[in-house]
Amino acid sequence: EALKKIPDEVISKYYGCGSPLPTGLDGLSILDLGSGSGRDCYVCAQLVGRNGNVIGIDMTDEQLEVARRNADDYCQKVLGYPKTNMRFEKGFIEYIRDAGVEDDSIDMVISNCVVNLSPDKEKVIQGVYDALKFGGEFYFSDVYCDRRLSDEIRSNKVLWGECISGALYIEDFKRICAKVGFTDVRKLEMSPIEVNDPELKDIVGEAKFFSITYRCFKLPDLESLCEDYGQIAYYKGTLPGHRHFYQLDDGHRFETGRPMLVCGNSASMVGESWLAPHFEVLGDRSVHFGLFEGCYAPKNDAKGQGADTALGGFLAESSGSCC
C-alpha cells in the first residue's frame, strides 16, 4: 500500500536486492545509505509519520535530483504533513558524519544492496554505529558470499555491476561488526543468488552468493555468547502488520502474548531498543544461570534447526551462540 503513493519517477529509478523496511517506526529518525532515487525513504516517510524524519545519503547527482524534486509534494500534498519530513544529502556512505549526520542521532539505519559496493566496508559499518543512538539498529539487506573472493572475481566489471564482486565473506562481515561494537549480529532473511551466465559462472567457480537481511543493534551490554539470566519476554502484538507474532530473526519468533524464555542478548534487543514499547521483559541480569541452552541455531546452519523456547519446553536440540 505504501508503494502505491510514491511517484512513478521515484519507483522507476529504484535498484536494490531486498526490502529492509520494518514497521512500527512512528516518530523515529531513519537514515538510508545509498538512497538513490529515494524509494525506501519515501516509504519510511509514511512509516515514521509527521513527527519522525528521514535522511537519504547518495553520491549521484541525477538520483538526488529525482528524490529532491518530488519530496515536498509527496510529504505535504500526498501524505498531508505540515512540512516535509525527509531530506537528501550528497555524500559517500563511508563518511556519514561529513554528510551532516551527527553521532548518536539516528534510531535506525537502512540500506539496500549498497554496502557491498563500498571499497571500505569497515568504515561504513563504523560510521553507522557512531550515527546510531543507544538502542538503535542497522537493519539492512546486501549481497554476501560463503568465502573470500579472488582478485579475478573482485576486478570483474560485469560482476561488479551485478553487485557480486563486492560481496563480503559472511564471517568477515561478522568480525567487522564485532570490532566496531555490533556484538551479536542477527540474520532475518537469506536467499541464494544464482550466477547463470556460463562465462561468469566459470569465473566465480564454487563461490556461493546470498541476499541476506541482517539486524545489528547498538546495545553495549550484548555478549559474544547467549547467556541465561532467567529472563522472559512477551510480545504485545502491537507492531503494525504483526498482530499475531513478531520475527526478531530467523530463530526468534515471538507469538503474541506467549511467555518466552530468552537469553540476555535477546532480552536486551526487545527490551532496550526501539522495539521496547512492543515487548514486556521480566527479570534482569542479577542472577546468571550459565550458557543459554535453548538459544537458536540459524535455519541455514549445518548443525540443524533451532528454536526459541516457550516456557515448559525450553531445552531445544540446538544450543550455543546467537551469532
C-alpha atoms as a PDB file:
ATOM      1  CA  GLU A   1       0.000   0.000   0.000  1.00  0.00           C
ATOM      2  CA  ALA A   2       2.811   2.399   0.838  1.00  0.00           C
ATOM      3  CA  LEU A   3       4.415   1.928  -2.581  1.00  0.00           C
ATOM      4  CA  LYS A   4       1.203   2.952  -4.362  1.00  0.00           C
ATOM      5  CA  LYS A   5       1.539   6.515  -3.072  1.00  0.00           C
ATOM      6  CA  ILE A   6       5.109   7.018  -4.289  1.00  0.00           C
ATOM      7  CA  PRO A   7       5.664   8.973  -7.544  1.00  0.00           C
ATOM      8  CA  ASP A   8       6.291   6.797 -10.587  1.00  0.00           C
ATOM      9  CA  GLU A   9       9.564   8.589 -11.320  1.00  0.00           C
ATOM     10  CA  VAL A  10      10.949   7.575  -7.940  1.00  0.00           C
ATOM     11  CA  ILE A  11       9.835   3.950  -8.366  1.00  0.00           C
ATOM     12  CA  SER A  12      11.280   3.610 -11.867  1.00  0.00           C
ATOM     13  CA  LYS A  13      14.764   4.603 -10.687  1.00  0.00           C
ATOM     14  CA  TYR A  14      14.825   2.099  -7.824  1.00  0.00           C
ATOM     15  CA  TYR A  15      17.572  -0.513  -7.510  1.00  0.00           C
ATOM     16  CA  GLY A  16      18.011  -2.973  -4.645  1.00  0.00           C
ATOM     17  CA  CYS A  17      18.259  -6.597  -3.551  1.00  0.00           C
ATOM     18  CA  GLY A  18      15.858  -6.802  -0.616  1.00  0.00           C
ATOM     19  CA  SER A  19      13.279  -4.976   1.478  1.00  0.00           C
ATOM     20  CA  PRO A  20      14.998  -3.572   4.572  1.00  0.00           C
ATOM     21  CA  LEU A  21      11.900  -1.834   5.928  1.00  0.00           C
ATOM     22  CA  PRO A  22      10.424  -2.860   9.275  1.00  0.00           C
ATOM     23  CA  THR A  23       7.156  -1.488  10.624  1.00  0.00           C
ATOM     24  CA  GLY A  24       6.458   0.319  13.882  1.00  0.00           C
ATOM     25  CA  LEU A  25       8.700   3.279  13.092  1.00  0.00           C
ATOM     26  CA  ASP A  26       6.335   6.068  14.117  1.00  0.00           C
ATOM     27  CA  GLY A  27       8.268   9.081  15.373  1.00  0.00           C
ATOM     28  CA  LEU A  28      11.700   7.604  14.679  1.00  0.00           C
ATOM     29  CA  SER A  29      14.697   9.080  12.849  1.00  0.00           C
ATOM     30  CA  ILE A  30      15.767   6.991   9.840  1.00  0.00           C
ATOM     31  CA  LEU A  31      18.947   7.145   7.747  1.00  0.00           C
ATOM     32  CA  ASP A  32      19.109   5.439   4.335  1.00  0.00           C
ATOM     33  CA  LEU A  33      22.589   4.755   2.942  1.00  0.00           C
ATOM     34  CA  GLY A  34      22.826   4.890  -0.843  1.00  0.00           C
ATOM     35  CA  SER A  35      19.256   6.148  -1.068  1.00  0.00           C
ATOM     36  CA  GLY A  36      19.313   6.567  -4.854  1.00  0.00           C
ATOM     37  CA  SER A  37      16.031   7.973  -6.148  1.00  0.00           C
ATOM     38  CA  GLY A  38      14.652   7.735  -2.628  1.00  0.00           C
ATOM     39  CA  ARG A  39      12.113   4.909  -2.873  1.00  0.00           C
ATOM     40  CA  ASP A  40      12.836   3.473   0.570  1.00  0.00           C
ATOM     41  CA  CYS A  41      12.989   6.972   2.054  1.00  0.00           C
ATOM     42  CA  TYR A  42       9.555   7.744   0.641  1.00  0.00           C
ATOM     43  CA  VAL A  43       8.169   4.584   2.224  1.00  0.00           C
ATOM     44  CA  CYS A  44       9.835   5.454   5.530  1.00  0.00           C
ATOM     45  CA  ALA A  45       8.377   8.969   5.387  1.00  0.00           C
ATOM     46  CA  GLN A  46       4.970   7.315   5.673  1.00  0.00           C
ATOM     47  CA  LEU A  47       6.052   4.869   8.380  1.00  0.00           C
ATOM     48  CA  VAL A  48       7.648   7.456  10.702  1.00  0.00           C
ATOM     49  CA  GLY A  49       4.745   9.880  10.407  1.00  0.00           C
ATOM     50  CA  ARG A  50       4.810  13.640  10.702  1.00  0.00           C
ATOM     51  CA  ASN A  51       6.796  13.506  13.954  1.00  0.00           C
ATOM     52  CA  GLY A  52       9.608  11.366  12.517  1.00  0.00           C
ATOM     53  CA  ASN A  53      12.262  12.241   9.986  1.00  0.00           C
ATOM     54  CA  VAL A  54      14.171  10.537   7.185  1.00  0.00           C
ATOM     55  CA  ILE A  55      17.608  11.301   5.720  1.00  0.00           C
ATOM     56  CA  GLY A  56      18.920   9.821   2.492  1.00  0.00           C
ATOM     57  CA  ILE A  57      22.602   9.867   1.513  1.00  0.00           C
ATOM     58  CA  ASP A  58      23.718   9.281  -2.060  1.00  0.00           C
ATOM     59  CA  MET A  59      26.646  10.284  -4.262  1.00  0.00           C
ATOM     60  CA  THR A  60      24.778  10.502  -7.587  1.00  0.00           C
ATOM     61  CA  ASP A  61      23.503  13.924  -8.624  1.00  0.00           C
ATOM     62  CA  GLU A  62      20.901  12.546 -11.022  1.00  0.00           C
ATOM     63  CA  GLN A  63      19.346  10.293  -8.382  1.00  0.00           C
ATOM     64  CA  LEU A  64      19.398  13.042  -5.769  1.00  0.00           C
ATOM     65  CA  GLU A  65      17.614  15.373  -8.176  1.00  0.00           C
ATOM     66  CA  VAL A  66      14.791  12.872  -8.622  1.00  0.00           C
ATOM     67  CA  ALA A  67      14.490  12.305  -4.874  1.00  0.00           C
ATOM     68  CA  ARG A  68      14.506  16.009  -4.025  1.00  0.00           C
ATOM     69  CA  ARG A  69      12.209  17.093  -6.835  1.00  0.00           C
ATOM     70  CA  ASN A  70       9.288  15.019  -5.585  1.00  0.00           C
ATOM     71  CA  ALA A  71       9.784  15.287  -1.822  1.00  0.00           C
ATOM     72  CA  ASP A  72       7.729  18.372  -0.928  1.00  0.00           C
ATOM     73  CA  ASP A  73       4.647  17.457  -2.968  1.00  0.00           C
ATOM     74  CA  TYR A  74       4.760  13.902  -1.681  1.00  0.00           C
ATOM     75  CA  CYS A  75       5.034  14.811   2.004  1.00  0.00           C
ATOM     76  CA  GLN A  76       2.753  17.826   2.072  1.00  0.00           C
ATOM     77  CA  LYS A  77       0.159  17.028  -0.603  1.00  0.00           C
ATOM     78  CA  VAL A  78       0.040  13.237  -0.717  1.00  0.00           C
ATOM     79  CA  LEU A  79       0.707  12.496   2.960  1.00  0.00           C
ATOM     80  CA  GLY A  80      -0.799  15.730   4.266  1.00  0.00           C
ATOM     81  CA  TYR A  81       2.069  16.653   6.556  1.00  0.00           C
ATOM     82  CA  PRO A  82       2.508  20.298   7.560  1.00  0.00           C
ATOM     83  CA  LYS A  83       6.131  20.130   6.444  1.00  0.00           C
ATOM     84  CA  THR A  84       8.456  17.766   4.579  1.00  0.00           C
ATOM     85  CA  ASN A  85       9.894  15.143   6.927  1.00  0.00           C
ATOM     86  CA  MET A  86      12.722  13.895   4.713  1.00  0.00           C
ATOM     87  CA  ARG A  87      15.835  15.336   3.156  1.00  0.00           C
ATOM     88  CA  PHE A  88      18.512  14.074   0.790  1.00  0.00           C
ATOM     89  CA  GLU A  89      22.219  14.792   1.214  1.00  0.00           C
ATOM     90  CA  LYS A  90      25.060  14.265  -1.232  1.00  0.00           C
ATOM     91  CA  GLY A  91      27.849  12.217   0.255  1.00  0.00           C
ATOM     92  CA  PHE A  92      29.715   8.940   0.488  1.00  0.00           C
ATOM     93  CA  ILE A  93      28.453   6.228   2.808  1.00  0.00           C
ATOM     94  CA  GLU A  94      31.977   5.863   4.226  1.00  0.00           C
ATOM     95  CA  TYR A  95      31.713   9.453   5.536  1.00  0.00           C
ATOM     96  CA  ILE A  96      28.293   9.687   7.160  1.00  0.00           C
ATOM     97  CA  ARG A  97      29.330  12.462   9.522  1.00  0.00           C
ATOM     98  CA  ASP A  98      30.521  14.601   6.596  1.00  0.00           C
ATOM     99  CA  ALA A  99      27.021  14.414   5.103  1.00  0.00           C
ATOM    100  CA  GLY A 100      25.655  16.289   8.125  1.00  0.00           C
ATOM    101  CA  VAL A 101      24.551  13.327  10.243  1.00  0.00           C
ATOM    102  CA  GLU A 102      25.554  13.795  13.883  1.00  0.00           C
ATOM    103  CA  ASP A 103      26.741  10.968  16.115  1.00  0.00           C
ATOM    104  CA  ASP A 104      24.109   9.339  18.334  1.00  0.00           C
ATOM    105  CA  SER A 105      21.262  10.966  16.374  1.00  0.00           C
ATOM    106  CA  ILE A 106      19.628   8.128  14.393  1.00  0.00           C
ATOM    107  CA  ASP A 107      17.165   5.464  15.551  1.00  0.00           C
ATOM    108  CA  MET A 108      17.589   3.193  12.548  1.00  0.00           C
ATOM    109  CA  VAL A 109      19.939   2.967   9.573  1.00  0.00           C
ATOM    110  CA  ILE A 110      18.776   1.076   6.497  1.00  0.00           C
ATOM    111  CA  SER A 111      20.444   0.250   3.189  1.00  0.00           C
ATOM    112  CA  ASN A 112      19.557  -1.880   0.236  1.00  0.00           C
ATOM    113  CA  CYS A 113      22.371  -3.624  -1.659  1.00  0.00           C
ATOM    114  CA  VAL A 114      24.795  -0.737  -1.183  1.00  0.00           C
ATOM    115  CA  VAL A 115      27.445  -1.680   1.383  1.00  0.00           C
ATOM    116  CA  ASN A 116      28.874  -4.345  -0.946  1.00  0.00           C
ATOM    117  CA  LEU A 117      29.794  -1.570  -3.397  1.00  0.00           C
ATOM    118  CA  SER A 118      31.960   0.249  -0.872  1.00  0.00           C
ATOM    119  CA  PRO A 119      35.753  -0.177  -1.035  1.00  0.00           C
ATOM    120  CA  ASP A 120      35.937   0.301   2.753  1.00  0.00           C
ATOM    121  CA  LYS A 121      33.108  -1.650   4.336  1.00  0.00           C
ATOM    122  CA  GLU A 122      34.531  -1.389   7.846  1.00  0.00           C
ATOM    123  CA  LYS A 123      34.433   2.396   7.649  1.00  0.00           C
ATOM    124  CA  VAL A 124      30.783   2.243   6.560  1.00  0.00           C
ATOM    125  CA  ILE A 125      29.794  -0.029   9.421  1.00  0.00           C
ATOM    126  CA  GLN A 126      31.778   2.031  11.946  1.00  0.00           C
ATOM    127  CA  GLY A 127      30.036   5.171  10.701  1.00  0.00           C
ATOM    128  CA  VAL A 128      26.659   3.506  11.104  1.00  0.00           C
ATOM    129  CA  TYR A 129      27.466   2.502  14.672  1.00  0.00           C
ATOM    130  CA  ASP A 130      28.573   6.045  15.505  1.00  0.00           C
ATOM    131  CA  ALA A 131      25.421   7.599  13.995  1.00  0.00           C
ATOM    132  CA  LEU A 132      23.011   5.359  15.900  1.00  0.00           C
ATOM    133  CA  LYS A 133      21.521   6.250  19.256  1.00  0.00           C
ATOM    134  CA  PHE A 134      21.677   3.779  22.138  1.00  0.00           C
ATOM    135  CA  GLY A 135      19.076   1.133  21.277  1.00  0.00           C
ATOM    136  CA  GLY A 136      19.234   1.978  17.581  1.00  0.00           C
ATOM    137  CA  GLU A 137      19.545  -0.569  14.821  1.00  0.00           C
ATOM    138  CA  PHE A 138      21.237  -1.193  11.480  1.00  0.00           C
ATOM    139  CA  TYR A 139      18.526  -3.061   9.527  1.00  0.00           C
ATOM    140  CA  PHE A 140      19.693  -3.791   6.005  1.00  0.00           C
ATOM    141  CA  SER A 141      19.886  -6.141   3.028  1.00  0.00           C
ATOM    142  CA  ASP A 142      23.001  -6.859   0.990  1.00  0.00           C
ATOM    143  CA  VAL A 143      24.902  -9.462  -1.006  1.00  0.00           C
ATOM    144  CA  TYR A 144      27.281 -11.839   0.776  1.00  0.00           C
ATOM    145  CA  CYS A 145      29.472 -14.789  -0.111  1.00  0.00           C
ATOM    146  CA  ASP A 146      30.464 -18.059   1.558  1.00  0.00           C
ATOM    147  CA  ARG A 147      34.179 -17.337   1.062  1.00  0.00           C
ATOM    148  CA  ARG A 148      36.703 -14.570   0.380  1.00  0.00           C
ATOM    149  CA  LEU A 149      36.719 -13.755  -3.312  1.00  0.00           C
ATOM    150  CA  SER A 150      39.751 -13.854  -5.606  1.00  0.00           C
ATOM    151  CA  ASP A 151      41.192 -10.786  -7.307  1.00  0.00           C
ATOM    152  CA  GLU A 152      39.850 -12.082 -10.611  1.00  0.00           C
ATOM    153  CA  ILE A 153      36.286 -12.036  -9.289  1.00  0.00           C
ATOM    154  CA  ARG A 154      36.628  -8.737  -7.457  1.00  0.00           C
ATOM    155  CA  SER A 155      38.019  -6.955 -10.530  1.00  0.00           C
ATOM    156  CA  ASN A 156      35.407  -8.226 -12.995  1.00  0.00           C
ATOM    157  CA  LYS A 157      33.346  -5.240 -14.163  1.00  0.00           C
ATOM    158  CA  VAL A 158      30.282  -7.267 -15.109  1.00  0.00           C
ATOM    159  CA  LEU A 159      30.167  -8.986 -11.730  1.00  0.00           C
ATOM    160  CA  TRP A 160      30.695  -5.612 -10.069  1.00  0.00           C
ATOM    161  CA  GLY A 161      27.686  -4.244 -11.915  1.00  0.00           C
ATOM    162  CA  GLU A 162      25.661  -7.196 -10.661  1.00  0.00           C
ATOM    163  CA  CYS A 163      26.727  -6.478  -7.025  1.00  0.00           C
ATOM    164  CA  ILE A 164      28.555  -9.819  -6.940  1.00  0.00           C
ATOM    165  CA  SER A 165      32.248  -8.958  -6.969  1.00  0.00           C
ATOM    166  CA  GLY A 166      31.901  -6.672  -3.947  1.00  0.00           C
ATOM    167  CA  ALA A 167      30.177  -9.324  -1.837  1.00  0.00           C
ATOM    168  CA  LEU A 168      31.704  -9.643   1.621  1.00  0.00           C
ATOM    169  CA  TYR A 169      32.514 -13.041   3.122  1.00  0.00           C
ATOM    170  CA  ILE A 170      29.821 -13.642   5.757  1.00  0.00           C
ATOM    171  CA  GLU A 171      32.270 -14.411   8.566  1.00  0.00           C
ATOM    172  CA  ASP A 172      34.394 -11.356   7.770  1.00  0.00           C
ATOM    173  CA  PHE A 173      31.252  -9.247   7.998  1.00  0.00           C
ATOM    174  CA  LYS A 174      30.584 -10.624  11.486  1.00  0.00           C
ATOM    175  CA  ARG A 175      34.180  -9.922  12.505  1.00  0.00           C
ATOM    176  CA  ILE A 176      33.901  -6.305  11.354  1.00  0.00           C
ATOM    177  CA  CYS A 177      30.621  -5.900  13.243  1.00  0.00           C
ATOM    178  CA  ALA A 178      32.147  -7.249  16.442  1.00  0.00           C
ATOM    179  CA  LYS A 179      35.124  -4.909  16.067  1.00  0.00           C
ATOM    180  CA  VAL A 180      33.029  -1.744  15.746  1.00  0.00           C
ATOM    181  CA  GLY A 181      30.570  -2.696  18.506  1.00  0.00           C
ATOM    182  CA  PHE A 182      27.763  -4.745  16.922  1.00  0.00           C
ATOM    183  CA  THR A 183      28.433  -7.768  19.123  1.00  0.00           C
ATOM    184  CA  ASP A 184      25.525 -10.084  18.256  1.00  0.00           C
ATOM    185  CA  VAL A 185      24.541  -9.937  14.572  1.00  0.00           C
ATOM    186  CA  ARG A 186      21.125 -11.422  13.801  1.00  0.00           C
ATOM    187  CA  LYS A 187      20.064 -12.786  10.420  1.00  0.00           C
ATOM    188  CA  LEU A 188      16.435 -12.204   9.480  1.00  0.00           C
ATOM    189  CA  GLU A 189      16.183 -13.492   5.903  1.00  0.00           C
ATOM    190  CA  MET A 190      18.518 -15.261   3.483  1.00  0.00           C
ATOM    191  CA  SER A 191      18.045 -16.317  -0.136  1.00  0.00           C
ATOM    192  CA  PRO A 192      20.539 -17.663  -2.694  1.00  0.00           C
ATOM    193  CA  ILE A 193      21.680 -15.626  -5.695  1.00  0.00           C
ATOM    194  CA  GLU A 194      22.328 -17.702  -8.792  1.00  0.00           C
ATOM    195  CA  VAL A 195      25.006 -16.841 -11.347  1.00  0.00           C
ATOM    196  CA  ASN A 196      23.618 -18.376 -14.554  1.00  0.00           C
ATOM    197  CA  ASP A 197      25.800 -16.907 -17.291  1.00  0.00           C
ATOM    198  CA  PRO A 198      28.273 -19.685 -18.290  1.00  0.00           C
ATOM    199  CA  GLU A 199      31.249 -17.348 -18.606  1.00  0.00           C
ATOM    200  CA  LEU A 200      30.592 -15.648 -15.261  1.00  0.00           C
ATOM    201  CA  LYS A 201      29.826 -18.961 -13.625  1.00  0.00           C
ATOM    202  CA  ASP A 202      33.246 -20.200 -14.694  1.00  0.00           C
ATOM    203  CA  ILE A 203      34.855 -17.153 -13.082  1.00  0.00           C
ATOM    204  CA  VAL A 204      33.100 -17.470  -9.704  1.00  0.00           C
ATOM    205  CA  GLY A 205      33.633 -21.243  -9.549  1.00  0.00           C
ATOM    206  CA  GLU A 206      32.250 -22.807  -6.375  1.00  0.00           C
ATOM    207  CA  ALA A 207      31.641 -19.490  -4.601  1.00  0.00           C
ATOM    208  CA  LYS A 208      28.050 -19.156  -3.409  1.00  0.00           C
ATOM    209  CA  PHE A 209      26.250 -15.836  -3.058  1.00  0.00           C
ATOM    210  CA  PHE A 210      23.308 -14.795  -0.925  1.00  0.00           C
ATOM    211  CA  SER A 211      20.994 -11.870  -0.369  1.00  0.00           C
ATOM    212  CA  ILE A 212      20.769 -11.505   3.413  1.00  0.00           C
ATOM    213  CA  THR A 213      18.865  -9.136   5.672  1.00  0.00           C
ATOM    214  CA  TYR A 214      20.786  -8.551   8.900  1.00  0.00           C
ATOM    215  CA  ARG A 215      19.870  -6.784  12.124  1.00  0.00           C
ATOM    216  CA  CYS A 216      22.611  -5.133  14.199  1.00  0.00           C
ATOM    217  CA  PHE A 217      21.651  -3.414  17.465  1.00  0.00           C
ATOM    218  CA  LYS A 218      23.684  -0.738  19.206  1.00  0.00           C
ATOM    219  CA  LEU A 219      23.440  -2.120  22.722  1.00  0.00           C
ATOM    220  CA  PRO A 220      26.664  -2.025  24.778  1.00  0.00           C
ATOM    221  CA  ASP A 221      25.684  -4.897  27.078  1.00  0.00           C
ATOM    222  CA  LEU A 222      25.366  -7.533  24.338  1.00  0.00           C
ATOM    223  CA  GLU A 223      27.624 -10.545  24.903  1.00  0.00           C
ATOM    224  CA  SER A 224      29.535 -12.750  22.452  1.00  0.00           C
ATOM    225  CA  LEU A 225      27.552 -15.820  23.575  1.00  0.00           C
ATOM    226  CA  CYS A 226      23.939 -16.215  24.609  1.00  0.00           C
ATOM    227  CA  GLU A 227      23.820 -16.263  28.399  1.00  0.00           C
ATOM    228  CA  ASP A 228      20.935 -17.367  30.618  1.00  0.00           C
ATOM    229  CA  TYR A 229      19.614 -14.942  33.241  1.00  0.00           C
ATOM    230  CA  GLY A 230      16.154 -16.474  33.514  1.00  0.00           C
ATOM    231  CA  GLN A 231      14.528 -13.606  31.630  1.00  0.00           C
ATOM    232  CA  ILE A 232      11.121 -13.889  29.984  1.00  0.00           C
ATOM    233  CA  ALA A 233       9.801 -11.782  27.117  1.00  0.00           C
ATOM    234  CA  TYR A 234       6.222 -11.161  25.978  1.00  0.00           C
ATOM    235  CA  TYR A 235       5.318  -9.676  22.607  1.00  0.00           C
ATOM    236  CA  LYS A 236       2.283  -7.398  22.874  1.00  0.00           C
ATOM    237  CA  GLY A 237       1.136  -7.771  19.256  1.00  0.00           C
ATOM    238  CA  THR A 238       1.250  -4.011  18.726  1.00  0.00           C
ATOM    239  CA  LEU A 239       3.584  -3.656  15.738  1.00  0.00           C
ATOM    240  CA  PRO A 240       1.634  -2.835  12.555  1.00  0.00           C
ATOM    241  CA  GLY A 241       1.267  -5.899  10.359  1.00  0.00           C
ATOM    242  CA  HIS A 242       2.425  -8.213  13.147  1.00  0.00           C
ATOM    243  CA  ARG A 243      -0.680  -8.756  15.263  1.00  0.00           C
ATOM    244  CA  HIS A 244      -0.139 -12.476  15.851  1.00  0.00           C
ATOM    245  CA  PHE A 245       3.646 -12.807  16.031  1.00  0.00           C
ATOM    246  CA  TYR A 246       6.922 -10.959  15.568  1.00  0.00           C
ATOM    247  CA  GLN A 247      10.012 -12.408  13.892  1.00  0.00           C
ATOM    248  CA  LEU A 248      13.088 -10.918  15.517  1.00  0.00           C
ATOM    249  CA  ASP A 249      15.410 -13.046  13.379  1.00  0.00           C
ATOM    250  CA  ASP A 250      15.499 -16.461  11.706  1.00  0.00           C
ATOM    251  CA  GLY A 251      15.494 -18.222  15.062  1.00  0.00           C
ATOM    252  CA  HIS A 252      13.380 -15.978  17.285  1.00  0.00           C
ATOM    253  CA  ARG A 253       9.631 -15.947  16.630  1.00  0.00           C
ATOM    254  CA  PHE A 254       7.576 -14.305  19.374  1.00  0.00           C
ATOM    255  CA  GLU A 255       3.916 -15.328  19.469  1.00  0.00           C
ATOM    256  CA  THR A 256       1.658 -12.589  20.779  1.00  0.00           C
ATOM    257  CA  GLY A 257       1.018 -12.906  24.494  1.00  0.00           C
ATOM    258  CA  ARG A 258       3.011 -16.105  24.889  1.00  0.00           C
ATOM    259  CA  PRO A 259       5.794 -16.025  27.514  1.00  0.00           C
ATOM    260  CA  MET A 260       9.174 -16.981  26.102  1.00  0.00           C
ATOM    261  CA  LEU A 261      12.394 -17.681  27.955  1.00  0.00           C
ATOM    262  CA  VAL A 262      15.141 -15.684  26.225  1.00  0.00           C
ATOM    263  CA  CYS A 263      18.869 -15.173  26.515  1.00  0.00           C
ATOM    264  CA  GLY A 264      20.257 -11.915  27.848  1.00  0.00           C
ATOM    265  CA  ASN A 265      21.038 -10.608  24.362  1.00  0.00           C
ATOM    266  CA  SER A 266      17.529 -11.228  23.050  1.00  0.00           C
ATOM    267  CA  ALA A 267      16.056  -9.633  26.177  1.00  0.00           C
ATOM    268  CA  SER A 268      18.133  -6.507  25.522  1.00  0.00           C
ATOM    269  CA  MET A 269      17.190  -6.384  21.839  1.00  0.00           C
ATOM    270  CA  VAL A 270      13.456  -6.392  22.508  1.00  0.00           C
ATOM    271  CA  GLY A 271      13.529  -4.597  25.848  1.00  0.00           C
ATOM    272  CA  GLU A 272      16.119  -1.838  25.420  1.00  0.00           C
ATOM    273  CA  SER A 273      15.908  -0.934  21.716  1.00  0.00           C
ATOM    274  CA  TRP A 274      13.309   0.907  19.640  1.00  0.00           C
ATOM    275  CA  LEU A 275      11.252  -2.308  19.989  1.00  0.00           C
ATOM    276  CA  ALA A 276      10.799  -1.825  23.743  1.00  0.00           C
ATOM    277  CA  PRO A 277       7.252  -0.338  23.628  1.00  0.00           C
ATOM    278  CA  HIS A 278       6.040  -3.518  21.949  1.00  0.00           C
ATOM    279  CA  PHE A 279       7.526  -6.018  24.420  1.00  0.00           C
ATOM    280  CA  GLU A 280       7.489  -6.710  28.132  1.00  0.00           C
ATOM    281  CA  VAL A 281      10.626  -8.256  29.610  1.00  0.00           C
ATOM    282  CA  LEU A 282      10.593  -9.806  33.070  1.00  0.00           C
ATOM    283  CA  GLY A 283      13.820 -10.208  35.025  1.00  0.00           C
ATOM    284  CA  ASP A 284      17.276  -8.678  34.854  1.00  0.00           C
ATOM    285  CA  ARG A 285      20.888  -9.860  34.841  1.00  0.00           C
ATOM    286  CA  SER A 286      21.399 -10.023  38.571  1.00  0.00           C
ATOM    287  CA  VAL A 287      21.492 -13.844  38.601  1.00  0.00           C
ATOM    288  CA  HIS A 288      23.370 -15.877  35.971  1.00  0.00           C
ATOM    289  CA  PHE A 289      22.454 -19.489  35.146  1.00  0.00           C
ATOM    290  CA  GLY A 290      25.230 -20.195  32.625  1.00  0.00           C
ATOM    291  CA  LEU A 291      25.118 -20.561  28.866  1.00  0.00           C
ATOM    292  CA  PHE A 292      21.616 -20.346  27.417  1.00  0.00           C
ATOM    293  CA  GLU A 293      20.940 -23.903  26.292  1.00  0.00           C
ATOM    294  CA  GLY A 294      17.725 -23.167  24.454  1.00  0.00           C
ATOM    295  CA  CYS A 295      19.042 -20.497  22.131  1.00  0.00           C
ATOM    296  CA  TYR A 296      18.690 -20.973  18.434  1.00  0.00           C
ATOM    297  CA  ALA A 297      20.925 -22.239  15.666  1.00  0.00           C
ATOM    298  CA  PRO A 298      20.187 -20.337  12.437  1.00  0.00           C
ATOM    299  CA  LYS A 299      17.977 -22.180   9.985  1.00  0.00           C
ATOM    300  CA  ASN A 300      20.736 -22.426   7.425  1.00  0.00           C
ATOM    301  CA  ASP A 301      23.302 -23.668   9.934  1.00  0.00           C
ATOM    302  CA  ALA A 302      24.684 -27.093   9.069  1.00  0.00           C
ATOM    303  CA  LYS A 303      24.239 -28.118  12.693  1.00  0.00           C
ATOM    304  CA  GLY A 304      20.498 -28.119  12.255  1.00  0.00           C
ATOM    305  CA  GLN A 305      17.480 -26.011  13.002  1.00  0.00           C
ATOM    306  CA  GLY A 306      16.938 -24.475  16.369  1.00  0.00           C
ATOM    307  CA  ALA A 307      14.109 -22.623  18.020  1.00  0.00           C
ATOM    308  CA  ASP A 308      13.291 -20.124  20.693  1.00  0.00           C
ATOM    309  CA  THR A 309      11.904 -21.630  23.818  1.00  0.00           C
ATOM    310  CA  ALA A 310       8.451 -21.235  25.244  1.00  0.00           C
ATOM    311  CA  LEU A 311       8.037 -21.978  28.942  1.00  0.00           C
ATOM    312  CA  GLY A 312       7.652 -25.642  29.678  1.00  0.00           C
ATOM    313  CA  GLY A 313       9.938 -26.817  26.891  1.00  0.00           C
ATOM    314  CA  PHE A 314      12.988 -24.604  26.707  1.00  0.00           C
ATOM    315  CA  LEU A 315      15.691 -27.234  26.212  1.00  0.00           C
ATOM    316  CA  ALA A 316      15.939 -27.220  22.417  1.00  0.00           C
ATOM    317  CA  GLU A 317      18.089 -29.625  20.481  1.00  0.00           C
ATOM    318  CA  SER A 318      20.485 -26.894  19.386  1.00  0.00           C
ATOM    319  CA  SER A 319      22.472 -24.697  21.684  1.00  0.00           C
ATOM    320  CA  GLY A 320      25.104 -22.011  21.777  1.00  0.00           C
ATOM    321  CA  SER A 321      25.508 -18.516  20.453  1.00  0.00           C
ATOM    322  CA  CYS A 322      23.029 -16.451  18.501  1.00  0.00           C
ATOM    323  CA  CYS A 323      25.885 -15.170  16.343  1.00  0.00           C
END
